[in-house]
């Protein structure tokens, strides 16, 4: 969410934003039950 310019006009800042972030929130499909293939791909190329 970016704060509007009207909200910031009395403050000494030009822009401000607030973000909610989720990393790895959902494994939609995996061909192997109980395993996240991205978590076990373990070599330099990203795929073991």
ModelCIF file with pLDDT and N, C-alpha, C, O atoms, coordinates in Angstrom:
data_MODEL
#
_entry.id   MODEL 
#
_entity.id                         1 
_entity.type                       polymer 
_entity.pdbx_number_of_molecules   1 
#
_entity_poly.entity_id                      1 
_entity_poly.type                           'polypeptide(L)' 
_entity_poly.nstd_linkage                   no 
_entity_poly.nstd_monomer                   no 
_entity_poly.pdbx_seq_one_letter_code       
;(UNK)(UNK)(UNK)(UNK)(UNK)(UNK)(UNK)(UNK)(UNK)(UNK)(UNK)(UNK)(UNK)(UNK)(UNK)(UNK)
(UNK)(UNK)(UNK)(UNK)(UNK)(UNK)(UNK)(UNK)(UNK)(UNK)(UNK)(UNK)(UNK)(UNK)(UNK)(UNK)
(UNK)(UNK)(UNK)(UNK)(UNK)(UNK)(UNK)(UNK)(UNK)(UNK)(UNK)(UNK)(UNK)(UNK)(UNK)(UNK)
;
_entity_poly.pdbx_seq_one_letter_code_can   XXXXXXXXXXXXXXXXXXXXXXXXXXXXXXXXXXXXXXXXXXXXXXXX 
_entity_poly.pdbx_strand_id                 A 
#
loop_
_entity_poly_seq.entity_id 
_entity_poly_seq.num 
_entity_poly_seq.mon_id 
_entity_poly_seq.hetero 
1 1  UNK n 
1 2  UNK n 
1 3  UNK n 
1 4  UNK n 
1 5  UNK n 
1 6  UNK n 
1 7  UNK n 
1 8  UNK n 
1 9  UNK n 
1 10 UNK n 
1 11 UNK n 
1 12 UNK n 
1 13 UNK n 
1 14 UNK n 
1 15 UNK n 
1 16 UNK n 
1 17 UNK n 
1 18 UNK n 
1 19 UNK n 
1 20 UNK n 
1 21 UNK n 
1 22 UNK n 
1 23 UNK n 
1 24 UNK n 
1 25 UNK n 
1 26 UNK n 
1 27 UNK n 
1 28 UNK n 
1 29 UNK n 
1 30 UNK n 
1 31 UNK n 
1 32 UNK n 
1 33 UNK n 
1 34 UNK n 
1 35 UNK n 
1 36 UNK n 
1 37 UNK n 
1 38 UNK n 
1 39 UNK n 
1 40 UNK n 
1 41 UNK n 
1 42 UNK n 
1 43 UNK n 
1 44 UNK n 
1 45 UNK n 
1 46 UNK n 
1 47 UNK n 
1 48 UNK n 
#
_struct_asym.id          A 
_struct_asym.entity_id   1 
#
loop_
_ma_qa_metric.id 
_ma_qa_metric.mode 
_ma_qa_metric.name 
_ma_qa_metric.software_group_id 
_ma_qa_metric.type 
1 global pLDDT . pLDDT 
2 local  pLDDT . pLDDT 
#
_ma_qa_metric_global.metric_id      1 
_ma_qa_metric_global.metric_value   82.02 
_ma_qa_metric_global.model_id       1 
_ma_qa_metric_global.ordinal_id     1 
#
loop_
_ma_qa_metric_local.label_asym_id 
_ma_qa_metric_local.label_comp_id 
_ma_qa_metric_local.label_seq_id 
_ma_qa_metric_local.metric_id 
_ma_qa_metric_local.metric_value 
_ma_qa_metric_local.model_id 
_ma_qa_metric_local.ordinal_id 
A UNK 1  2 95.00 1 1  
A UNK 2  2 93.00 1 2  
A UNK 3  2 89.00 1 3  
A UNK 4  2 90.00 1 4  
A UNK 5  2 85.00 1 5  
A UNK 6  2 87.00 1 6  
A UNK 7  2 85.00 1 7  
A UNK 8  2 85.00 1 8  
A UNK 9  2 85.00 1 9  
A UNK 10 2 85.00 1 10 
A UNK 11 2 87.00 1 11 
A UNK 12 2 88.00 1 12 
A UNK 13 2 87.00 1 13 
A UNK 14 2 88.00 1 14 
A UNK 15 2 90.00 1 15 
A UNK 16 2 91.00 1 16 
A UNK 17 2 93.00 1 17 
A UNK 18 2 95.00 1 18 
A UNK 19 2 97.00 1 19 
A UNK 20 2 97.00 1 20 
A UNK 21 2 97.00 1 21 
A UNK 22 2 97.00 1 22 
A UNK 23 2 94.00 1 23 
A UNK 24 2 91.00 1 24 
A UNK 25 2 93.00 1 25 
A UNK 26 2 92.00 1 26 
A UNK 27 2 90.00 1 27 
A UNK 28 2 92.00 1 28 
A UNK 29 2 91.00 1 29 
A UNK 30 2 88.00 1 30 
A UNK 31 2 86.00 1 31 
A UNK 32 2 80.00 1 32 
A UNK 33 2 78.00 1 33 
A UNK 34 2 73.00 1 34 
A UNK 35 2 75.00 1 35 
A UNK 36 2 78.00 1 36 
A UNK 37 2 78.00 1 37 
A UNK 38 2 76.00 1 38 
A UNK 39 2 73.00 1 39 
A UNK 40 2 68.00 1 40 
A UNK 41 2 60.00 1 41 
A UNK 42 2 57.00 1 42 
A UNK 43 2 58.00 1 43 
A UNK 44 2 57.00 1 44 
A UNK 45 2 58.00 1 45 
A UNK 46 2 54.00 1 46 
A UNK 47 2 54.00 1 47 
A UNK 48 2 57.00 1 48 
#
loop_
_atom_site.group_PDB 
_atom_site.id 
_atom_site.type_symbol 
_atom_site.label_atom_id 
_atom_site.label_alt_id 
_atom_site.label_comp_id 
_atom_site.label_asym_id 
_atom_site.label_entity_id 
_atom_site.label_seq_id 
_atom_site.pdbx_PDB_ins_code 
_atom_site.Cartn_x 
_atom_site.Cartn_y 
_atom_site.Cartn_z 
_atom_site.occupancy 
_atom_site.B_iso_or_equiv 
_atom_site.pdbx_formal_charge 
_atom_site.auth_seq_id 
_atom_site.auth_comp_id 
_atom_site.auth_asym_id 
_atom_site.auth_atom_id 
_atom_site.pdbx_PDB_model_num 
ATOM 1   N N  . UNK A 1 1  ? 0.865  -1.176  0.000   1.00 95.00 ? 1  UNK A N  1 
ATOM 2   C CA . UNK A 1 1  ? 0.000  0.000   0.000   1.00 95.00 ? 1  UNK A CA 1 
ATOM 3   C C  . UNK A 1 1  ? 0.904  1.228   0.000   1.00 95.00 ? 1  UNK A C  1 
ATOM 4   O O  . UNK A 1 1  ? 1.725  1.411   0.898   1.00 95.00 ? 1  UNK A O  1 
ATOM 5   N N  . UNK A 1 2  ? 0.737  2.071   -1.028  1.00 93.00 ? 2  UNK A N  1 
ATOM 6   C CA . UNK A 1 2  ? 1.489  3.322   -1.113  1.00 93.00 ? 2  UNK A CA 1 
ATOM 7   C C  . UNK A 1 2  ? 0.668  4.424   -0.476  1.00 93.00 ? 2  UNK A C  1 
ATOM 8   O O  . UNK A 1 2  ? -0.487 4.638   -0.845  1.00 93.00 ? 2  UNK A O  1 
ATOM 9   N N  . UNK A 1 3  ? 1.256  5.119   0.471   1.00 89.00 ? 3  UNK A N  1 
ATOM 10  C CA . UNK A 1 3  ? 0.565  6.244   1.102   1.00 89.00 ? 3  UNK A CA 1 
ATOM 11  C C  . UNK A 1 3  ? 0.427  7.379   0.099   1.00 89.00 ? 3  UNK A C  1 
ATOM 12  O O  . UNK A 1 3  ? 1.342  7.644   -0.680  1.00 89.00 ? 3  UNK A O  1 
ATOM 13  N N  . UNK A 1 4  ? -0.692 8.032   0.122   1.00 90.00 ? 4  UNK A N  1 
ATOM 14  C CA . UNK A 1 4  ? -0.957 9.097   -0.853  1.00 90.00 ? 4  UNK A CA 1 
ATOM 15  C C  . UNK A 1 4  ? -0.119 10.339  -0.554  1.00 90.00 ? 4  UNK A C  1 
ATOM 16  O O  . UNK A 1 4  ? 0.357  10.530  0.565   1.00 90.00 ? 4  UNK A O  1 
ATOM 17  N N  . UNK A 1 5  ? 0.052  11.180  -1.580  1.00 85.00 ? 5  UNK A N  1 
ATOM 18  C CA . UNK A 1 5  ? 0.802  12.430  -1.422  1.00 85.00 ? 5  UNK A CA 1 
ATOM 19  C C  . UNK A 1 5  ? 0.111  13.348  -0.418  1.00 85.00 ? 5  UNK A C  1 
ATOM 20  O O  . UNK A 1 5  ? 0.780  14.073  0.318   1.00 85.00 ? 5  UNK A O  1 
ATOM 21  N N  . UNK A 1 6  ? -1.212 13.323  -0.381  1.00 87.00 ? 6  UNK A N  1 
ATOM 22  C CA . UNK A 1 6  ? -1.949 14.139  0.591   1.00 87.00 ? 6  UNK A CA 1 
ATOM 23  C C  . UNK A 1 6  ? -1.608 13.741  2.024   1.00 87.00 ? 6  UNK A C  1 
ATOM 24  O O  . UNK A 1 6  ? -1.500 14.599  2.899   1.00 87.00 ? 6  UNK A O  1 
ATOM 25  N N  . UNK A 1 7  ? -1.441 12.471  2.259   1.00 85.00 ? 7  UNK A N  1 
ATOM 26  C CA . UNK A 1 7  ? -1.110 11.985  3.595   1.00 85.00 ? 7  UNK A CA 1 
ATOM 27  C C  . UNK A 1 7  ? 0.291  12.423  3.998   1.00 85.00 ? 7  UNK A C  1 
ATOM 28  O O  . UNK A 1 7  ? 0.559  12.657  5.177   1.00 85.00 ? 7  UNK A O  1 
ATOM 29  N N  . UNK A 1 8  ? 1.183  12.535  3.022   1.00 85.00 ? 8  UNK A N  1 
ATOM 30  C CA . UNK A 1 8  ? 2.587  12.822  3.307   1.00 85.00 ? 8  UNK A CA 1 
ATOM 31  C C  . UNK A 1 8  ? 2.940  14.304  3.225   1.00 85.00 ? 8  UNK A C  1 
ATOM 32  O O  . UNK A 1 8  ? 4.078  14.658  3.532   1.00 85.00 ? 8  UNK A O  1 
ATOM 33  N N  . UNK A 1 9  ? 2.021  15.196  2.825   1.00 85.00 ? 9  UNK A N  1 
ATOM 34  C CA . UNK A 1 9  ? 2.378  16.593  2.553   1.00 85.00 ? 9  UNK A CA 1 
ATOM 35  C C  . UNK A 1 9  ? 2.918  17.341  3.769   1.00 85.00 ? 9  UNK A C  1 
ATOM 36  O O  . UNK A 1 9  ? 3.705  18.272  3.593   1.00 85.00 ? 9  UNK A O  1 
ATOM 37  N N  . UNK A 1 10 ? 2.540  16.986  4.973   1.00 85.00 ? 10 UNK A N  1 
ATOM 38  C CA . UNK A 1 10 ? 3.043  17.678  6.177   1.00 85.00 ? 10 UNK A CA 1 
ATOM 39  C C  . UNK A 1 10 ? 4.289  17.008  6.764   1.00 85.00 ? 10 UNK A C  1 
ATOM 40  O O  . UNK A 1 10 ? 4.828  17.470  7.770   1.00 85.00 ? 10 UNK A O  1 
ATOM 41  N N  . UNK A 1 11 ? 4.746  15.921  6.137   1.00 87.00 ? 11 UNK A N  1 
ATOM 42  C CA . UNK A 1 11 ? 5.917  15.193  6.639   1.00 87.00 ? 11 UNK A CA 1 
ATOM 43  C C  . UNK A 1 11 ? 7.125  15.468  5.748   1.00 87.00 ? 11 UNK A C  1 
ATOM 44  O O  . UNK A 1 11 ? 6.964  15.810  4.577   1.00 87.00 ? 11 UNK A O  1 
ATOM 45  N N  . UNK A 1 12 ? 8.329  15.321  6.290   1.00 88.00 ? 12 UNK A N  1 
ATOM 46  C CA . UNK A 1 12 ? 9.534  15.594  5.486   1.00 88.00 ? 12 UNK A CA 1 
ATOM 47  C C  . UNK A 1 12 ? 9.926  14.403  4.588   1.00 88.00 ? 12 UNK A C  1 
ATOM 48  O O  . UNK A 1 12 ? 11.117 14.177  4.372   1.00 88.00 ? 12 UNK A O  1 
ATOM 49  N N  . UNK A 1 13 ? 8.976  13.654  4.073   1.00 87.00 ? 13 UNK A N  1 
ATOM 50  C CA . UNK A 1 13 ? 9.271  12.514  3.196   1.00 87.00 ? 13 UNK A CA 1 
ATOM 51  C C  . UNK A 1 13 ? 8.485  12.653  1.901   1.00 87.00 ? 13 UNK A C  1 
ATOM 52  O O  . UNK A 1 13 ? 7.399  13.233  1.880   1.00 87.00 ? 13 UNK A O  1 
ATOM 53  N N  . UNK A 1 14 ? 9.043  12.117  0.821   1.00 88.00 ? 14 UNK A N  1 
ATOM 54  C CA . UNK A 1 14 ? 8.414  12.194  -0.498  1.00 88.00 ? 14 UNK A CA 1 
ATOM 55  C C  . UNK A 1 14 ? 7.459  11.036  -0.779  1.00 88.00 ? 14 UNK A C  1 
ATOM 56  O O  . UNK A 1 14 ? 6.421  11.211  -1.416  1.00 88.00 ? 14 UNK A O  1 
ATOM 57  N N  . UNK A 1 15 ? 7.824  9.868   -0.298  1.00 90.00 ? 15 UNK A N  1 
ATOM 58  C CA . UNK A 1 15 ? 6.995  8.688   -0.553  1.00 90.00 ? 15 UNK A CA 1 
ATOM 59  C C  . UNK A 1 15 ? 7.135  7.707   0.611   1.00 90.00 ? 15 UNK A C  1 
ATOM 60  O O  . UNK A 1 15 ? 8.137  7.696   1.325   1.00 90.00 ? 15 UNK A O  1 
ATOM 61  N N  . UNK A 1 16 ? 6.096  6.884   0.777   1.00 91.00 ? 16 UNK A N  1 
ATOM 62  C CA . UNK A 1 16 ? 6.120  5.861   1.825   1.00 91.00 ? 16 UNK A CA 1 
ATOM 63  C C  . UNK A 1 16 ? 5.171  4.741   1.423   1.00 91.00 ? 16 UNK A C  1 
ATOM 64  O O  . UNK A 1 16 ? 4.122  4.969   0.821   1.00 91.00 ? 16 UNK A O  1 
ATOM 65  N N  . UNK A 1 17 ? 5.573  3.530   1.773   1.00 93.00 ? 17 UNK A N  1 
ATOM 66  C CA . UNK A 1 17 ? 4.717  2.372   1.494   1.00 93.00 ? 17 UNK A CA 1 
ATOM 67  C C  . UNK A 1 17 ? 4.871  1.356   2.611   1.00 93.00 ? 17 UNK A C  1 
ATOM 68  O O  . UNK A 1 17 ? 5.886  1.307   3.306   1.00 93.00 ? 17 UNK A O  1 
ATOM 69  N N  . UNK A 1 18 ? 3.838  0.552   2.760   1.00 95.00 ? 18 UNK A N  1 
ATOM 70  C CA . UNK A 1 18 ? 3.836  -0.528  3.736   1.00 95.00 ? 18 UNK A CA 1 
ATOM 71  C C  . UNK A 1 18 ? 3.484  -1.802  2.979   1.00 95.00 ? 18 UNK A C  1 
ATOM 72  O O  . UNK A 1 18 ? 2.538  -1.817  2.192   1.00 95.00 ? 18 UNK A O  1 
ATOM 73  N N  . UNK A 1 19 ? 4.243  -2.874  3.214   1.00 97.00 ? 19 UNK A N  1 
ATOM 74  C CA . UNK A 1 19 ? 4.024  -4.137  2.495   1.00 97.00 ? 19 UNK A CA 1 
ATOM 75  C C  . UNK A 1 19 ? 3.913  -5.302  3.458   1.00 97.00 ? 19 UNK A C  1 
ATOM 76  O O  . UNK A 1 19 ? 4.596  -5.341  4.481   1.00 97.00 ? 19 UNK A O  1 
ATOM 77  N N  . UNK A 1 20 ? 3.053  -6.247  3.126   1.00 97.00 ? 20 UNK A N  1 
ATOM 78  C CA . UNK A 1 20 ? 3.017  -7.554  3.778   1.00 97.00 ? 20 UNK A CA 1 
ATOM 79  C C  . UNK A 1 20 ? 3.642  -8.533  2.808   1.00 97.00 ? 20 UNK A C  1 
ATOM 80  O O  . UNK A 1 20 ? 3.311  -8.537  1.622   1.00 97.00 ? 20 UNK A O  1 
ATOM 81  N N  . UNK A 1 21 ? 4.553  -9.369  3.308   1.00 97.00 ? 21 UNK A N  1 
ATOM 82  C CA . UNK A 1 21 ? 5.305  -10.279 2.446   1.00 97.00 ? 21 UNK A CA 1 
ATOM 83  C C  . UNK A 1 21 ? 5.148  -11.701 2.962   1.00 97.00 ? 21 UNK A C  1 
ATOM 84  O O  . UNK A 1 21 ? 5.226  -11.947 4.166   1.00 97.00 ? 21 UNK A O  1 
ATOM 85  N N  . UNK A 1 22 ? 4.926  -12.636 2.039   1.00 97.00 ? 22 UNK A N  1 
ATOM 86  C CA . UNK A 1 22 ? 4.884  -14.064 2.375   1.00 97.00 ? 22 UNK A CA 1 
ATOM 87  C C  . UNK A 1 22 ? 5.831  -14.806 1.441   1.00 97.00 ? 22 UNK A C  1 
ATOM 88  O O  . UNK A 1 22 ? 5.719  -14.684 0.221   1.00 97.00 ? 22 UNK A O  1 
ATOM 89  N N  . UNK A 1 23 ? 6.748  -15.561 1.993   1.00 94.00 ? 23 UNK A N  1 
ATOM 90  C CA . UNK A 1 23 ? 7.663  -16.387 1.208   1.00 94.00 ? 23 UNK A CA 1 
ATOM 91  C C  . UNK A 1 23 ? 7.214  -17.844 1.318   1.00 94.00 ? 23 UNK A C  1 
ATOM 92  O O  . UNK A 1 23 ? 6.967  -18.344 2.415   1.00 94.00 ? 23 UNK A O  1 
ATOM 93  N N  . UNK A 1 24 ? 7.109  -18.518 0.174   1.00 91.00 ? 24 UNK A N  1 
ATOM 94  C CA . UNK A 1 24 ? 6.666  -19.915 0.088   1.00 91.00 ? 24 UNK A CA 1 
ATOM 95  C C  . UNK A 1 24 ? 5.307  -20.140 0.751   1.00 91.00 ? 24 UNK A C  1 
ATOM 96  O O  . UNK A 1 24 ? 5.156  -21.087 1.524   1.00 91.00 ? 24 UNK A O  1 
ATOM 97  N N  . UNK A 1 25 ? 4.313  -19.288 0.466   1.00 93.00 ? 25 UNK A N  1 
ATOM 98  C CA . UNK A 1 25 ? 3.036  -19.442 1.165   1.00 93.00 ? 25 UNK A CA 1 
ATOM 99  C C  . UNK A 1 25 ? 2.226  -20.653 0.723   1.00 93.00 ? 25 UNK A C  1 
ATOM 100 O O  . UNK A 1 25 ? 1.389  -21.138 1.485   1.00 93.00 ? 25 UNK A O  1 
ATOM 101 N N  . UNK A 1 26 ? 2.457  -21.160 -0.505  1.00 92.00 ? 26 UNK A N  1 
ATOM 102 C CA . UNK A 1 26 ? 1.579  -22.226 -0.971  1.00 92.00 ? 26 UNK A CA 1 
ATOM 103 C C  . UNK A 1 26 ? 2.269  -23.121 -1.995  1.00 92.00 ? 26 UNK A C  1 
ATOM 104 O O  . UNK A 1 26 ? 2.755  -22.647 -3.022  1.00 92.00 ? 26 UNK A O  1 
ATOM 105 N N  . UNK A 1 27 ? 2.305  -24.417 -1.704  1.00 90.00 ? 27 UNK A N  1 
ATOM 106 C CA . UNK A 1 27 ? 2.718  -25.418 -2.688  1.00 90.00 ? 27 UNK A CA 1 
ATOM 107 C C  . UNK A 1 27 ? 1.437  -25.901 -3.344  1.00 90.00 ? 27 UNK A C  1 
ATOM 108 O O  . UNK A 1 27 ? 0.692  -26.680 -2.749  1.00 90.00 ? 27 UNK A O  1 
ATOM 109 N N  . UNK A 1 28 ? 1.176  -25.454 -4.549  1.00 92.00 ? 28 UNK A N  1 
ATOM 110 C CA . UNK A 1 28 ? -0.077 -25.728 -5.231  1.00 92.00 ? 28 UNK A CA 1 
ATOM 111 C C  . UNK A 1 28 ? -0.135 -27.174 -5.716  1.00 92.00 ? 28 UNK A C  1 
ATOM 112 O O  . UNK A 1 28 ? -1.167 -27.832 -5.588  1.00 92.00 ? 28 UNK A O  1 
ATOM 113 N N  . UNK A 1 29 ? 0.970  -27.667 -6.271  1.00 91.00 ? 29 UNK A N  1 
ATOM 114 C CA . UNK A 1 29 ? 1.006  -29.029 -6.799  1.00 91.00 ? 29 UNK A CA 1 
ATOM 115 C C  . UNK A 1 29 ? 2.413  -29.580 -6.658  1.00 91.00 ? 29 UNK A C  1 
ATOM 116 O O  . UNK A 1 29 ? 3.392  -28.888 -6.936  1.00 91.00 ? 29 UNK A O  1 
ATOM 117 N N  . UNK A 1 30 ? 2.508  -30.822 -6.229  1.00 88.00 ? 30 UNK A N  1 
ATOM 118 C CA . UNK A 1 30 ? 3.767  -31.560 -6.229  1.00 88.00 ? 30 UNK A CA 1 
ATOM 119 C C  . UNK A 1 30 ? 3.470  -32.964 -6.703  1.00 88.00 ? 30 UNK A C  1 
ATOM 120 O O  . UNK A 1 30 ? 2.508  -33.586 -6.253  1.00 88.00 ? 30 UNK A O  1 
ATOM 121 N N  . UNK A 1 31 ? 4.286  -33.464 -7.605  1.00 86.00 ? 31 UNK A N  1 
ATOM 122 C CA . UNK A 1 31 ? 4.066  -34.814 -8.130  1.00 86.00 ? 31 UNK A CA 1 
ATOM 123 C C  . UNK A 1 31 ? 4.400  -35.890 -7.110  1.00 86.00 ? 31 UNK A C  1 
ATOM 124 O O  . UNK A 1 31 ? 4.079  -37.060 -7.320  1.00 86.00 ? 31 UNK A O  1 
ATOM 125 N N  . UNK A 1 32 ? 5.033  -35.515 -6.019  1.00 80.00 ? 32 UNK A N  1 
ATOM 126 C CA . UNK A 1 32 ? 5.396  -36.456 -4.962  1.00 80.00 ? 32 UNK A CA 1 
ATOM 127 C C  . UNK A 1 32 ? 4.718  -36.012 -3.673  1.00 80.00 ? 32 UNK A C  1 
ATOM 128 O O  . UNK A 1 32 ? 4.916  -34.883 -3.222  1.00 80.00 ? 32 UNK A O  1 
ATOM 129 N N  . UNK A 1 33 ? 3.924  -36.890 -3.081  1.00 78.00 ? 33 UNK A N  1 
ATOM 130 C CA . UNK A 1 33 ? 3.245  -36.545 -1.835  1.00 78.00 ? 33 UNK A CA 1 
ATOM 131 C C  . UNK A 1 33 ? 4.242  -36.266 -0.721  1.00 78.00 ? 33 UNK A C  1 
ATOM 132 O O  . UNK A 1 33 ? 5.211  -37.004 -0.542  1.00 78.00 ? 33 UNK A O  1 
ATOM 133 N N  . UNK A 1 34 ? 4.001  -35.208 0.017   1.00 73.00 ? 34 UNK A N  1 
ATOM 134 C CA . UNK A 1 34 ? 4.798  -34.913 1.198   1.00 73.00 ? 34 UNK A CA 1 
ATOM 135 C C  . UNK A 1 34 ? 6.159  -34.314 0.933   1.00 73.00 ? 34 UNK A C  1 
ATOM 136 O O  . UNK A 1 34 ? 6.958  -34.174 1.859   1.00 73.00 ? 34 UNK A O  1 
ATOM 137 N N  . UNK A 1 35 ? 6.450  -33.953 -0.320  1.00 75.00 ? 35 UNK A N  1 
ATOM 138 C CA . UNK A 1 35 ? 7.776  -33.427 -0.641  1.00 75.00 ? 35 UNK A CA 1 
ATOM 139 C C  . UNK A 1 35 ? 7.618  -32.152 -1.459  1.00 75.00 ? 35 UNK A C  1 
ATOM 140 O O  . UNK A 1 35 ? 6.818  -32.099 -2.393  1.00 75.00 ? 35 UNK A O  1 
ATOM 141 N N  . UNK A 1 36 ? 8.370  -31.146 -1.110  1.00 78.00 ? 36 UNK A N  1 
ATOM 142 C CA . UNK A 1 36 ? 8.468  -29.933 -1.908  1.00 78.00 ? 36 UNK A CA 1 
ATOM 143 C C  . UNK A 1 36 ? 9.730  -30.069 -2.752  1.00 78.00 ? 36 UNK A C  1 
ATOM 144 O O  . UNK A 1 36 ? 10.830 -29.878 -2.232  1.00 78.00 ? 36 UNK A O  1 
ATOM 145 N N  . UNK A 1 37 ? 9.606  -30.395 -4.051  1.00 78.00 ? 37 UNK A N  1 
ATOM 146 C CA . UNK A 1 37 ? 10.798 -30.618 -4.871  1.00 78.00 ? 37 UNK A CA 1 
ATOM 147 C C  . UNK A 1 37 ? 11.772 -29.446 -4.879  1.00 78.00 ? 37 UNK A C  1 
ATOM 148 O O  . UNK A 1 37 ? 12.976 -29.650 -5.032  1.00 78.00 ? 37 UNK A O  1 
ATOM 149 N N  . UNK A 1 38 ? 11.274 -28.225 -4.719  1.00 76.00 ? 38 UNK A N  1 
ATOM 150 C CA . UNK A 1 38 ? 12.190 -27.085 -4.730  1.00 76.00 ? 38 UNK A CA 1 
ATOM 151 C C  . UNK A 1 38 ? 13.087 -27.070 -3.496  1.00 76.00 ? 38 UNK A C  1 
ATOM 152 O O  . UNK A 1 38 ? 14.159 -26.464 -3.527  1.00 76.00 ? 38 UNK A O  1 
ATOM 153 N N  . UNK A 1 39 ? 12.678 -27.716 -2.424  1.00 73.00 ? 39 UNK A N  1 
ATOM 154 C CA . UNK A 1 39 ? 13.479 -27.735 -1.199  1.00 73.00 ? 39 UNK A CA 1 
ATOM 155 C C  . UNK A 1 39 ? 14.592 -28.772 -1.263  1.00 73.00 ? 39 UNK A C  1 
ATOM 156 O O  . UNK A 1 39 ? 15.540 -28.694 -0.482  1.00 73.00 ? 39 UNK A O  1 
ATOM 157 N N  . UNK A 1 40 ? 14.506 -29.740 -2.170  1.00 68.00 ? 40 UNK A N  1 
ATOM 158 C CA . UNK A 1 40 ? 15.533 -30.786 -2.224  1.00 68.00 ? 40 UNK A CA 1 
ATOM 159 C C  . UNK A 1 40 ? 16.412 -30.693 -3.450  1.00 68.00 ? 40 UNK A C  1 
ATOM 160 O O  . UNK A 1 40 ? 17.284 -31.540 -3.641  1.00 68.00 ? 40 UNK A O  1 
ATOM 161 N N  . UNK A 1 41 ? 16.212 -29.699 -4.280  1.00 60.00 ? 41 UNK A N  1 
ATOM 162 C CA . UNK A 1 41 ? 17.074 -29.519 -5.439  1.00 60.00 ? 41 UNK A CA 1 
ATOM 163 C C  . UNK A 1 41 ? 18.335 -28.839 -4.948  1.00 60.00 ? 41 UNK A C  1 
ATOM 164 O O  . UNK A 1 41 ? 18.362 -27.630 -4.718  1.00 60.00 ? 41 UNK A O  1 
ATOM 165 N N  . UNK A 1 42 ? 19.385 -29.644 -4.792  1.00 57.00 ? 42 UNK A N  1 
ATOM 166 C CA . UNK A 1 42 ? 20.476 -29.211 -3.930  1.00 57.00 ? 42 UNK A CA 1 
ATOM 167 C C  . UNK A 1 42 ? 21.850 -29.136 -4.579  1.00 57.00 ? 42 UNK A C  1 
ATOM 168 O O  . UNK A 1 42 ? 22.841 -29.457 -3.924  1.00 57.00 ? 42 UNK A O  1 
ATOM 169 N N  . UNK A 1 43 ? 21.949 -28.730 -5.822  1.00 58.00 ? 43 UNK A N  1 
ATOM 170 C CA . UNK A 1 43 ? 23.301 -28.546 -6.336  1.00 58.00 ? 43 UNK A CA 1 
ATOM 171 C C  . UNK A 1 43 ? 23.441 -27.172 -6.970  1.00 58.00 ? 43 UNK A C  1 
ATOM 172 O O  . UNK A 1 43 ? 22.510 -26.368 -6.925  1.00 58.00 ? 43 UNK A O  1 
ATOM 173 N N  . UNK A 1 44 ? 24.579 -26.904 -7.548  1.00 57.00 ? 44 UNK A N  1 
ATOM 174 C CA . UNK A 1 44 ? 24.894 -25.557 -8.017  1.00 57.00 ? 44 UNK A CA 1 
ATOM 175 C C  . UNK A 1 44 ? 23.946 -25.049 -9.094  1.00 57.00 ? 44 UNK A C  1 
ATOM 176 O O  . UNK A 1 44 ? 23.727 -23.841 -9.193  1.00 57.00 ? 44 UNK A O  1 
ATOM 177 N N  . UNK A 1 45 ? 23.381 -25.935 -9.898  1.00 58.00 ? 45 UNK A N  1 
ATOM 178 C CA . UNK A 1 45 ? 22.484 -25.489 -10.965 1.00 58.00 ? 45 UNK A CA 1 
ATOM 179 C C  . UNK A 1 45 ? 21.061 -25.322 -10.462 1.00 58.00 ? 45 UNK A C  1 
ATOM 180 O O  . UNK A 1 45 ? 20.186 -24.898 -11.216 1.00 58.00 ? 45 UNK A O  1 
ATOM 181 N N  . UNK A 1 46 ? 20.815 -25.651 -9.190  1.00 54.00 ? 46 UNK A N  1 
ATOM 182 C CA . UNK A 1 46 ? 19.475 -25.520 -8.629  1.00 54.00 ? 46 UNK A CA 1 
ATOM 183 C C  . UNK A 1 46 ? 18.642 -26.759 -8.837  1.00 54.00 ? 46 UNK A C  1 
ATOM 184 O O  . UNK A 1 46 ? 17.491 -26.800 -8.402  1.00 54.00 ? 46 UNK A O  1 
ATOM 185 N N  . UNK A 1 47 ? 19.183 -27.771 -9.487  1.00 54.00 ? 47 UNK A N  1 
ATOM 186 C CA . UNK A 1 47 ? 18.423 -28.997 -9.691  1.00 54.00 ? 47 UNK A CA 1 
ATOM 187 C C  . UNK A 1 47 ? 19.342 -30.182 -9.485  1.00 54.00 ? 47 UNK A C  1 
ATOM 188 O O  . UNK A 1 47 ? 20.260 -30.404 -10.274 1.00 54.00 ? 47 UNK A O  1 
ATOM 189 N N  . UNK A 1 48 ? 19.101 -30.943 -8.432  1.00 57.00 ? 48 UNK A N  1 
ATOM 190 C CA . UNK A 1 48 ? 19.878 -32.137 -8.150  1.00 57.00 ? 48 UNK A CA 1 
ATOM 191 C C  . UNK A 1 48 ? 19.058 -33.361 -8.493  1.00 57.00 ? 48 UNK A C  1 
ATOM 192 O O  . UNK A 1 48 ? 19.530 -34.486 -8.329  1.00 57.00 ? 48 UNK A O  1 
#
